[in-house]
């Protein structure tokens, strides 16, 4: 999903002809709770966006908020984009 979103933003760039030109790596390390980085690199510069989780309580809070949100809907398949959208008529 992340690669598709990034590709849609940069697909007009002559260096990216295919979604497979975007390299994504995932590494799971033992006791690391949550450390995520998005790194944009070319021959001249590097841009990095980081997110670090220090306690699993952070994930629990997110799950509780999602559970509260979904009680407004009878049925459906939802993802994080639905929660952050302003569309309150998902079941219409």
C-alpha atoms as a PDB file:
ATOM      1  CA  UNK A   1       0.000   0.000   0.000  1.00  0.00           C
ATOM      2  CA  UNK A   2       2.820   2.384   0.878  1.00  0.00           C
ATOM      3  CA  UNK A   3       4.641   1.655  -2.396  1.00  0.00           C
ATOM      4  CA  UNK A   4       1.443   2.284  -4.395  1.00  0.00           C
ATOM      5  CA  UNK A   5       0.900   5.647  -2.685  1.00  0.00           C
ATOM      6  CA  UNK A   6       4.505   6.718  -3.179  1.00  0.00           C
ATOM      7  CA  UNK A   7       4.475   5.594  -6.819  1.00  0.00           C
ATOM      8  CA  UNK A   8       1.295   7.573  -7.533  1.00  0.00           C
ATOM      9  CA  UNK A   9       3.093  10.703  -6.298  1.00  0.00           C
ATOM     10  CA  UNK A  10       6.325  10.157  -8.241  1.00  0.00           C
ATOM     11  CA  UNK A  11       5.162   8.249 -11.326  1.00  0.00           C
ATOM     12  CA  UNK A  12       5.816  11.289 -13.524  1.00  0.00           C
ATOM     13  CA  UNK A  13       9.501  11.101 -12.539  1.00  0.00           C
ATOM     14  CA  UNK A  14      11.585   9.670 -15.404  1.00  0.00           C
ATOM     15  CA  UNK A  15      13.604   7.537 -12.934  1.00  0.00           C
ATOM     16  CA  UNK A  16      10.538   5.510 -11.902  1.00  0.00           C
ATOM     17  CA  UNK A  17       8.871   3.540 -14.678  1.00  0.00           C
ATOM     18  CA  UNK A  18       7.442   0.760 -12.558  1.00  0.00           C
ATOM     19  CA  UNK A  19       6.269   0.317  -8.974  1.00  0.00           C
ATOM     20  CA  UNK A  20       9.072  -2.253  -8.545  1.00  0.00           C
ATOM     21  CA  UNK A  21      11.571   0.626  -8.866  1.00  0.00           C
ATOM     22  CA  UNK A  22      10.605   1.510  -5.295  1.00  0.00           C
ATOM     23  CA  UNK A  23      12.639  -0.601  -2.882  1.00  0.00           C
ATOM     24  CA  UNK A  24      10.930  -1.521   0.398  1.00  0.00           C
ATOM     25  CA  UNK A  25      12.673  -3.437   3.162  1.00  0.00           C
ATOM     26  CA  UNK A  26      11.175  -4.757   6.377  1.00  0.00           C
ATOM     27  CA  UNK A  27      13.310  -6.065   9.237  1.00  0.00           C
ATOM     28  CA  UNK A  28      11.961  -7.485  12.488  1.00  0.00           C
ATOM     29  CA  UNK A  29      14.317  -7.217  15.434  1.00  0.00           C
ATOM     30  CA  UNK A  30      13.714  -9.080  18.710  1.00  0.00           C
ATOM     31  CA  UNK A  31      12.765  -6.592  21.409  1.00  0.00           C
ATOM     32  CA  UNK A  32      12.241  -3.536  19.204  1.00  0.00           C
ATOM     33  CA  UNK A  33       8.637  -2.463  19.855  1.00  0.00           C
ATOM     34  CA  UNK A  34       8.218  -0.150  16.913  1.00  0.00           C
ATOM     35  CA  UNK A  35      10.739   1.697  14.822  1.00  0.00           C
ATOM     36  CA  UNK A  36       9.699   2.787  11.351  1.00  0.00           C
ATOM     37  CA  UNK A  37      11.547   4.890   8.817  1.00  0.00           C
ATOM     38  CA  UNK A  38      10.707   6.083   5.346  1.00  0.00           C
ATOM     39  CA  UNK A  39      13.852   7.097   3.513  1.00  0.00           C
ATOM     40  CA  UNK A  40      13.952   8.856   0.157  1.00  0.00           C
ATOM     41  CA  UNK A  41      17.448   8.701  -1.328  1.00  0.00           C
ATOM     42  CA  UNK A  42      18.986   9.780  -4.597  1.00  0.00           C
ATOM     43  CA  UNK A  43      22.555  10.556  -5.658  1.00  0.00           C
ATOM     44  CA  UNK A  44      22.427  14.037  -4.113  1.00  0.00           C
ATOM     45  CA  UNK A  45      20.413  13.862  -0.916  1.00  0.00           C
ATOM     46  CA  UNK A  46      18.457  11.849   1.630  1.00  0.00           C
ATOM     47  CA  UNK A  47      15.126  12.649   3.301  1.00  0.00           C
ATOM     48  CA  UNK A  48      14.086  10.518   6.264  1.00  0.00           C
ATOM     49  CA  UNK A  49      10.804  10.369   8.201  1.00  0.00           C
ATOM     50  CA  UNK A  50      10.930   8.371  11.457  1.00  0.00           C
ATOM     51  CA  UNK A  51       8.398   7.023  13.931  1.00  0.00           C
ATOM     52  CA  UNK A  52       9.495   5.319  17.141  1.00  0.00           C
ATOM     53  CA  UNK A  53       7.224   3.567  19.660  1.00  0.00           C
ATOM     54  CA  UNK A  54       8.557   3.282  23.211  1.00  0.00           C
ATOM     55  CA  UNK A  55       5.764   1.241  24.765  1.00  0.00           C
ATOM     56  CA  UNK A  56       3.195  -1.277  23.495  1.00  0.00           C
ATOM     57  CA  UNK A  57       0.513   0.793  25.249  1.00  0.00           C
ATOM     58  CA  UNK A  58       0.598   3.007  22.165  1.00  0.00           C
ATOM     59  CA  UNK A  59      -0.791   0.163  20.020  1.00  0.00           C
ATOM     60  CA  UNK A  60      -3.454  -0.643  22.632  1.00  0.00           C
ATOM     61  CA  UNK A  61      -4.687   2.961  22.637  1.00  0.00           C
ATOM     62  CA  UNK A  62      -4.961   2.877  18.848  1.00  0.00           C
ATOM     63  CA  UNK A  63      -6.910  -0.399  18.952  1.00  0.00           C
ATOM     64  CA  UNK A  64      -9.340   1.024  21.528  1.00  0.00           C
ATOM     65  CA  UNK A  65      -9.914   4.157  19.425  1.00  0.00           C
ATOM     66  CA  UNK A  66     -10.533   2.024  16.316  1.00  0.00           C
ATOM     67  CA  UNK A  67     -13.010  -0.140  18.264  1.00  0.00           C
ATOM     68  CA  UNK A  68     -14.886   2.977  19.382  1.00  0.00           C
ATOM     69  CA  UNK A  69     -14.976   4.266  15.805  1.00  0.00           C
ATOM     70  CA  UNK A  70     -16.254   1.027  14.275  1.00  0.00           C
ATOM     71  CA  UNK A  71     -19.240   0.812  16.652  1.00  0.00           C
ATOM     72  CA  UNK A  72     -20.909   3.437  14.422  1.00  0.00           C
ATOM     73  CA  UNK A  73     -21.107   0.990  11.497  1.00  0.00           C
ATOM     74  CA  UNK A  74     -23.211  -2.163  11.122  1.00  0.00           C
ATOM     75  CA  UNK A  75     -21.160  -4.055   8.540  1.00  0.00           C
ATOM     76  CA  UNK A  76     -18.254  -3.583   6.195  1.00  0.00           C
ATOM     77  CA  UNK A  77     -14.580  -3.984   5.621  1.00  0.00           C
ATOM     78  CA  UNK A  78     -12.592  -0.997   6.829  1.00  0.00           C
ATOM     79  CA  UNK A  79      -8.986   0.165   6.885  1.00  0.00           C
ATOM     80  CA  UNK A  80      -7.085   3.025   8.478  1.00  0.00           C
ATOM     81  CA  UNK A  81      -7.997   5.360   5.604  1.00  0.00           C
ATOM     82  CA  UNK A  82     -11.677   5.060   6.558  1.00  0.00           C
ATOM     83  CA  UNK A  83     -10.967   6.170  10.107  1.00  0.00           C
ATOM     84  CA  UNK A  84      -9.124   9.305   8.978  1.00  0.00           C
ATOM     85  CA  UNK A  85     -11.521  10.250   6.184  1.00  0.00           C
ATOM     86  CA  UNK A  86     -14.302  12.766   6.656  1.00  0.00           C
ATOM     87  CA  UNK A  87     -16.821  10.406   5.047  1.00  0.00           C
ATOM     88  CA  UNK A  88     -19.395   9.620   7.705  1.00  0.00           C
ATOM     89  CA  UNK A  89     -21.759   7.852   5.298  1.00  0.00           C
ATOM     90  CA  UNK A  90     -19.858   4.613   4.681  1.00  0.00           C
ATOM     91  CA  UNK A  91     -22.947   2.405   5.061  1.00  0.00           C
ATOM     92  CA  UNK A  92     -25.268   4.442   2.812  1.00  0.00           C
END
